[in-house]
Amino acid sequence: MCEPFIYFGSAGNRNNFHSLHDCQQQCPESPNPCPHAPIIPATPCATGSTVSGSCGTNQYCHAGQSPSTTMMVNRPGSVDRCSQPVVAGIGSANLQRWYFNSYTQQCQQFIYNGLQGNENNFLTQQECQNACVVNPCSRGVPYQNQGVNLQCTALNQAICPTGYYCHIGADSRTSVCCQTLGNSRCTRNQ
């Protein structure tokens, strides 16, 4: 990284330039794709891969604008990638990406600027859905109201429309209205 310093005229070396431009011409920087230090040495991801399986358990593949910004980077702790906020990042790449919106429980598009985003950043909607969308229903998909899964609880089971029942899950994400399989609440596998 090129940084200014005061040179007193003696005991110098070749790492001494008249201008920032001269320094950048001789010592080009490789952009850091993540807000945390990348793995040293930088390790490229498997071609076309952003899935965690191509990296170690404590890394993920940052898919940048170019091969120099597409590399395995350290995961910032044990945060679930699907509950991380959307981060547009910095740079000028203007990349169309997908993130999981934990409020709507859906994958949505956003523009990624190419550097310093987070792991909630997918190349395709399908990749996002495979990683993040939870479907607790044994058949079909949860009932949606204005594009959002209709959530229910033991206290408001009647909120589910005809043809659906309230599936009480482990948390609010999995407590949704699921399609009824038969005429009776006692039908198996419901």
C-alpha atoms as a PDB file:
ATOM      1  CA  MET A   1       0.000   0.000   0.000  1.00  0.00           C
ATOM      2  CA  CYS A   2       1.404   3.374  -0.974  1.00  0.00           C
ATOM      3  CA  GLU A   3       1.601   5.752   1.982  1.00  0.00           C
ATOM      4  CA  PRO A   4       3.228   9.166   2.408  1.00  0.00           C
ATOM      5  CA  PHE A   5       6.256   9.576   4.664  1.00  0.00           C
ATOM      6  CA  ILE A   6       8.973  12.153   5.280  1.00  0.00           C
ATOM      7  CA  TYR A   7      12.338  11.223   3.782  1.00  0.00           C
ATOM      8  CA  PHE A   8      15.334  12.967   5.338  1.00  0.00           C
ATOM      9  CA  GLY A   9      17.708  12.224   2.482  1.00  0.00           C
ATOM     10  CA  SER A  10      19.937   9.445   3.818  1.00  0.00           C
ATOM     11  CA  ALA A  11      19.837   5.669   4.481  1.00  0.00           C
ATOM     12  CA  GLY A  12      16.967   5.221   2.034  1.00  0.00           C
ATOM     13  CA  ASN A  13      16.086   2.365  -0.296  1.00  0.00           C
ATOM     14  CA  ARG A  14      14.296   1.915  -3.620  1.00  0.00           C
ATOM     15  CA  ASN A  15      10.880   2.011  -1.901  1.00  0.00           C
ATOM     16  CA  ASN A  16      10.841   5.805  -2.186  1.00  0.00           C
ATOM     17  CA  PHE A  17       8.742   7.597  -4.823  1.00  0.00           C
ATOM     18  CA  HIS A  18       8.219  11.244  -5.742  1.00  0.00           C
ATOM     19  CA  SER A  19       4.441  10.907  -6.010  1.00  0.00           C
ATOM     20  CA  LEU A  20       1.527   8.648  -5.140  1.00  0.00           C
ATOM     21  CA  HIS A  21       1.058   8.013  -8.860  1.00  0.00           C
ATOM     22  CA  ASP A  22       4.674   6.827  -9.261  1.00  0.00           C
ATOM     23  CA  CYS A  23       4.290   4.501  -6.263  1.00  0.00           C
ATOM     24  CA  GLN A  24       1.021   3.038  -7.564  1.00  0.00           C
ATOM     25  CA  GLN A  25       2.575   2.455 -11.001  1.00  0.00           C
ATOM     26  CA  GLN A  26       5.489   0.501  -9.523  1.00  0.00           C
ATOM     27  CA  CYS A  27       3.589  -1.231  -6.689  1.00  0.00           C
ATOM     28  CA  PRO A  28       0.004  -1.928  -7.810  1.00  0.00           C
ATOM     29  CA  GLU A  29      -2.335  -2.932  -5.007  1.00  0.00           C
ATOM     30  CA  SER A  30      -4.518  -5.983  -5.109  1.00  0.00           C
ATOM     31  CA  PRO A  31      -7.892  -4.844  -3.727  1.00  0.00           C
ATOM     32  CA  ASN A  32      -9.005  -6.438  -0.479  1.00  0.00           C
ATOM     33  CA  PRO A  33     -12.405  -8.016  -1.243  1.00  0.00           C
ATOM     34  CA  CYS A  34     -13.567  -8.288   2.343  1.00  0.00           C
ATOM     35  CA  PRO A  35     -13.888  -6.064   5.395  1.00  0.00           C
ATOM     36  CA  HIS A  36     -11.702  -8.548   7.312  1.00  0.00           C
ATOM     37  CA  ALA A  37      -8.173  -9.521   6.304  1.00  0.00           C
ATOM     38  CA  PRO A  38      -8.138 -12.166   3.555  1.00  0.00           C
ATOM     39  CA  ILE A  39      -6.430 -15.490   4.091  1.00  0.00           C
ATOM     40  CA  ILE A  40      -2.685 -15.136   3.511  1.00  0.00           C
ATOM     41  CA  PRO A  41      -1.624 -16.240   0.993  1.00  0.00           C
ATOM     42  CA  ALA A  42      -4.737 -15.437  -1.027  1.00  0.00           C
ATOM     43  CA  THR A  43      -6.390 -18.672  -2.134  1.00  0.00           C
ATOM     44  CA  PRO A  44      -8.566 -18.632  -5.252  1.00  0.00           C
ATOM     45  CA  CYS A  45     -11.992 -20.286  -5.066  1.00  0.00           C
ATOM     46  CA  ALA A  46     -12.981 -23.187  -7.271  1.00  0.00           C
ATOM     47  CA  THR A  47     -14.063 -21.745 -10.637  1.00  0.00           C
ATOM     48  CA  GLY A  48     -17.662 -20.522 -10.579  1.00  0.00           C
ATOM     49  CA  SER A  49     -18.154 -21.524  -6.960  1.00  0.00           C
ATOM     50  CA  THR A  50     -19.471 -19.455  -4.074  1.00  0.00           C
ATOM     51  CA  VAL A  51     -20.649 -22.391  -2.033  1.00  0.00           C
ATOM     52  CA  SER A  52     -19.060 -22.953   1.338  1.00  0.00           C
ATOM     53  CA  GLY A  53     -18.190 -26.547   0.433  1.00  0.00           C
ATOM     54  CA  SER A  54     -15.275 -25.374  -1.708  1.00  0.00           C
ATOM     55  CA  CYS A  55     -13.653 -23.701   1.306  1.00  0.00           C
ATOM     56  CA  GLY A  56     -12.762 -24.733   4.837  1.00  0.00           C
ATOM     57  CA  THR A  57     -15.239 -24.520   7.701  1.00  0.00           C
ATOM     58  CA  ASN A  58     -14.081 -21.064   8.756  1.00  0.00           C
ATOM     59  CA  GLN A  59     -13.936 -19.592   5.257  1.00  0.00           C
ATOM     60  CA  TYR A  60     -16.326 -18.723   2.455  1.00  0.00           C
ATOM     61  CA  CYS A  61     -15.809 -17.878  -1.185  1.00  0.00           C
ATOM     62  CA  HIS A  62     -16.078 -14.156  -1.917  1.00  0.00           C
ATOM     63  CA  ALA A  63     -17.172 -13.820  -5.566  1.00  0.00           C
ATOM     64  CA  GLY A  64     -15.820 -10.482  -6.728  1.00  0.00           C
ATOM     65  CA  GLN A  65     -15.735  -8.716 -10.070  1.00  0.00           C
ATOM     66  CA  SER A  66     -12.488 -10.329 -11.196  1.00  0.00           C
ATOM     67  CA  PRO A  67     -10.260 -13.320 -10.395  1.00  0.00           C
ATOM     68  CA  SER A  68      -8.110 -11.107  -8.152  1.00  0.00           C
ATOM     69  CA  THR A  69     -11.119 -10.361  -5.910  1.00  0.00           C
ATOM     70  CA  THR A  70     -12.616 -13.865  -6.018  1.00  0.00           C
ATOM     71  CA  MET A  71     -10.978 -15.748  -3.178  1.00  0.00           C
ATOM     72  CA  MET A  72     -11.535 -17.639   0.033  1.00  0.00           C
ATOM     73  CA  VAL A  73     -11.850 -15.268   2.980  1.00  0.00           C
ATOM     74  CA  ASN A  74     -12.225 -15.787   6.712  1.00  0.00           C
ATOM     75  CA  ARG A  75     -15.735 -16.030   8.104  1.00  0.00           C
ATOM     76  CA  PRO A  76     -16.327 -13.312  10.762  1.00  0.00           C
ATOM     77  CA  GLY A  77     -17.312 -15.625  13.615  1.00  0.00           C
ATOM     78  CA  SER A  78     -20.297 -17.911  13.842  1.00  0.00           C
ATOM     79  CA  VAL A  79     -22.914 -15.604  12.308  1.00  0.00           C
ATOM     80  CA  ASP A  80     -25.491 -17.362  10.108  1.00  0.00           C
ATOM     81  CA  ARG A  81     -24.976 -16.076   6.570  1.00  0.00           C
ATOM     82  CA  CYS A  82     -28.720 -15.876   5.932  1.00  0.00           C
ATOM     83  CA  SER A  83     -29.340 -13.553   8.895  1.00  0.00           C
ATOM     84  CA  GLN A  84     -26.593 -11.087   7.926  1.00  0.00           C
ATOM     85  CA  PRO A  85     -27.819  -7.714   6.610  1.00  0.00           C
ATOM     86  CA  VAL A  86     -27.536  -6.860   2.936  1.00  0.00           C
ATOM     87  CA  VAL A  87     -24.226  -5.040   2.301  1.00  0.00           C
ATOM     88  CA  ALA A  88     -23.675  -3.291  -1.038  1.00  0.00           C
ATOM     89  CA  GLY A  89     -19.958  -2.911  -0.299  1.00  0.00           C
ATOM     90  CA  ILE A  90     -17.567  -0.471  -1.919  1.00  0.00           C
ATOM     91  CA  GLY A  91     -16.116  -0.211  -5.401  1.00  0.00           C
ATOM     92  CA  SER A  92     -17.598   0.391  -8.826  1.00  0.00           C
ATOM     93  CA  ALA A  93     -18.402  -3.132 -10.021  1.00  0.00           C
ATOM     94  CA  ASN A  94     -22.243  -2.805 -10.173  1.00  0.00           C
ATOM     95  CA  LEU A  95     -22.854  -6.585  -9.910  1.00  0.00           C
ATOM     96  CA  GLN A  96     -26.396  -7.986  -9.806  1.00  0.00           C
ATOM     97  CA  ARG A  97     -26.613 -10.310  -6.779  1.00  0.00           C
ATOM     98  CA  TRP A  98     -29.124 -11.950  -4.445  1.00  0.00           C
ATOM     99  CA  TYR A  99     -29.418 -11.803  -0.645  1.00  0.00           C
ATOM    100  CA  PHE A 100     -31.761 -13.423   1.847  1.00  0.00           C
ATOM    101  CA  ASN A 101     -34.113 -10.930   3.499  1.00  0.00           C
ATOM    102  CA  SER A 102     -34.717 -12.422   6.949  1.00  0.00           C
ATOM    103  CA  TYR A 103     -37.821 -10.241   7.448  1.00  0.00           C
ATOM    104  CA  THR A 104     -39.674 -11.353   4.299  1.00  0.00           C
ATOM    105  CA  GLN A 105     -38.019 -14.811   4.327  1.00  0.00           C
ATOM    106  CA  GLN A 106     -37.266 -14.393   0.613  1.00  0.00           C
ATOM    107  CA  CYS A 107     -34.274 -13.983  -1.654  1.00  0.00           C
ATOM    108  CA  GLN A 108     -34.132 -10.513  -3.192  1.00  0.00           C
ATOM    109  CA  GLN A 109     -31.901  -8.791  -5.714  1.00  0.00           C
ATOM    110  CA  PHE A 110     -29.410  -6.061  -4.890  1.00  0.00           C
ATOM    111  CA  ILE A 111     -26.442  -4.362  -6.531  1.00  0.00           C
ATOM    112  CA  TYR A 112     -23.051  -5.358  -5.116  1.00  0.00           C
ATOM    113  CA  ASN A 113     -20.184  -2.925  -5.677  1.00  0.00           C
ATOM    114  CA  GLY A 114     -17.546  -5.677  -5.731  1.00  0.00           C
ATOM    115  CA  LEU A 115     -15.587  -5.281  -2.487  1.00  0.00           C
ATOM    116  CA  GLN A 116     -16.144  -5.596   1.264  1.00  0.00           C
ATOM    117  CA  GLY A 117     -19.564  -7.210   1.372  1.00  0.00           C
ATOM    118  CA  ASN A 118     -20.533 -10.162   3.528  1.00  0.00           C
ATOM    119  CA  GLU A 119     -21.513 -13.800   3.090  1.00  0.00           C
ATOM    120  CA  ASN A 120     -25.214 -13.035   2.439  1.00  0.00           C
ATOM    121  CA  ASN A 121     -24.324 -12.472  -1.213  1.00  0.00           C
ATOM    122  CA  PHE A 122     -25.333 -15.036  -3.838  1.00  0.00           C
ATOM    123  CA  LEU A 123     -24.734 -15.197  -7.598  1.00  0.00           C
ATOM    124  CA  THR A 124     -28.221 -16.575  -8.328  1.00  0.00           C
ATOM    125  CA  GLN A 125     -31.654 -16.660  -6.748  1.00  0.00           C
ATOM    126  CA  GLN A 126     -31.517 -20.465  -6.755  1.00  0.00           C
ATOM    127  CA  GLU A 127     -28.221 -20.498  -4.817  1.00  0.00           C
ATOM    128  CA  CYS A 128     -29.776 -18.145  -2.235  1.00  0.00           C
ATOM    129  CA  GLN A 129     -32.919 -20.259  -1.924  1.00  0.00           C
ATOM    130  CA  ASN A 130     -30.942 -23.483  -1.545  1.00  0.00           C
ATOM    131  CA  ALA A 131     -28.878 -21.963   1.267  1.00  0.00           C
ATOM    132  CA  CYS A 132     -31.500 -19.958   3.150  1.00  0.00           C
ATOM    133  CA  VAL A 133     -35.150 -20.648   2.410  1.00  0.00           C
ATOM    134  CA  VAL A 134     -36.749 -22.905   5.013  1.00  0.00           C
ATOM    135  CA  ASN A 135     -39.837 -24.891   4.016  1.00  0.00           C
ATOM    136  CA  PRO A 136     -41.248 -26.683   7.066  1.00  0.00           C
ATOM    137  CA  CYS A 137     -44.297 -27.938   5.160  1.00  0.00           C
ATOM    138  CA  SER A 138     -44.307 -31.633   4.310  1.00  0.00           C
ATOM    139  CA  ARG A 139     -46.228 -30.875   1.102  1.00  0.00           C
ATOM    140  CA  GLY A 140     -46.312 -27.779  -1.044  1.00  0.00           C
ATOM    141  CA  VAL A 141     -45.094 -24.387   0.055  1.00  0.00           C
ATOM    142  CA  PRO A 142     -46.226 -22.143   2.922  1.00  0.00           C
ATOM    143  CA  TYR A 143     -49.198 -19.864   2.288  1.00  0.00           C
ATOM    144  CA  GLN A 144     -48.054 -16.353   1.400  1.00  0.00           C
ATOM    145  CA  ASN A 145     -49.766 -13.022   1.939  1.00  0.00           C
ATOM    146  CA  GLN A 146     -48.330 -10.243  -0.254  1.00  0.00           C
ATOM    147  CA  GLY A 147     -45.232 -12.351  -0.979  1.00  0.00           C
ATOM    148  CA  VAL A 148     -44.450 -13.102   2.682  1.00  0.00           C
ATOM    149  CA  ASN A 149     -45.007 -16.454   4.425  1.00  0.00           C
ATOM    150  CA  LEU A 150     -48.053 -16.144   6.682  1.00  0.00           C
ATOM    151  CA  GLN A 151     -46.820 -16.905  10.187  1.00  0.00           C
ATOM    152  CA  CYS A 152     -49.078 -18.420  12.824  1.00  0.00           C
ATOM    153  CA  THR A 153     -48.873 -19.438  16.471  1.00  0.00           C
ATOM    154  CA  ALA A 154     -50.737 -21.791  18.792  1.00  0.00           C
ATOM    155  CA  LEU A 155     -52.830 -18.762  19.838  1.00  0.00           C
ATOM    156  CA  ASN A 156     -53.815 -17.655  16.319  1.00  0.00           C
ATOM    157  CA  GLN A 157     -54.140 -20.895  14.325  1.00  0.00           C
ATOM    158  CA  ALA A 158     -57.390 -19.634  12.765  1.00  0.00           C
ATOM    159  CA  ILE A 159     -55.365 -17.100  10.767  1.00  0.00           C
ATOM    160  CA  CYS A 160     -54.628 -19.832   8.204  1.00  0.00           C
ATOM    161  CA  PRO A 161     -57.083 -19.837   5.266  1.00  0.00           C
ATOM    162  CA  THR A 162     -59.235 -22.782   4.185  1.00  0.00           C
ATOM    163  CA  GLY A 163     -57.088 -25.618   2.864  1.00  0.00           C
ATOM    164  CA  TYR A 164     -54.177 -24.757   5.177  1.00  0.00           C
ATOM    165  CA  TYR A 165     -53.303 -25.625   8.768  1.00  0.00           C
ATOM    166  CA  CYS A 166     -50.979 -23.945  11.269  1.00  0.00           C
ATOM    167  CA  HIS A 167     -47.674 -25.822  11.379  1.00  0.00           C
ATOM    168  CA  ILE A 168     -46.096 -24.967  14.749  1.00  0.00           C
ATOM    169  CA  GLY A 169     -42.355 -25.036  14.205  1.00  0.00           C
ATOM    170  CA  ALA A 170     -39.310 -24.474  16.369  1.00  0.00           C
ATOM    171  CA  ASP A 171     -39.403 -20.701  15.772  1.00  0.00           C
ATOM    172  CA  SER A 172     -41.391 -18.028  13.930  1.00  0.00           C
ATOM    173  CA  ARG A 173     -39.648 -18.848  10.615  1.00  0.00           C
ATOM    174  CA  THR A 174     -41.046 -22.381  10.692  1.00  0.00           C
ATOM    175  CA  SER A 175     -44.454 -21.610  12.257  1.00  0.00           C
ATOM    176  CA  VAL A 176     -46.403 -21.067   9.046  1.00  0.00           C
ATOM    177  CA  CYS A 177     -49.618 -22.047   7.288  1.00  0.00           C
ATOM    178  CA  CYS A 178     -49.055 -25.302   5.361  1.00  0.00           C
ATOM    179  CA  GLN A 179     -51.291 -26.944   2.789  1.00  0.00           C
ATOM    180  CA  THR A 180     -53.735 -29.508   4.240  1.00  0.00           C
ATOM    181  CA  LEU A 181     -53.128 -33.026   2.907  1.00  0.00           C
ATOM    182  CA  GLY A 182     -56.613 -34.435   3.453  1.00  0.00           C
ATOM    183  CA  ASN A 183     -60.029 -33.693   4.872  1.00  0.00           C
ATOM    184  CA  SER A 184     -59.058 -34.411   8.476  1.00  0.00           C
ATOM    185  CA  ARG A 185     -56.567 -32.784  10.836  1.00  0.00           C
ATOM    186  CA  CYS A 186     -55.619 -36.310  11.804  1.00  0.00           C
ATOM    187  CA  THR A 187     -54.356 -37.236   8.323  1.00  0.00           C
ATOM    188  CA  ARG A 188     -50.889 -38.787   8.566  1.00  0.00           C
ATOM    189  CA  ASN A 189     -47.747 -36.818   7.714  1.00  0.00           C
ATOM    190  CA  GLN A 190     -49.366 -33.473   8.229  1.00  0.00           C
END
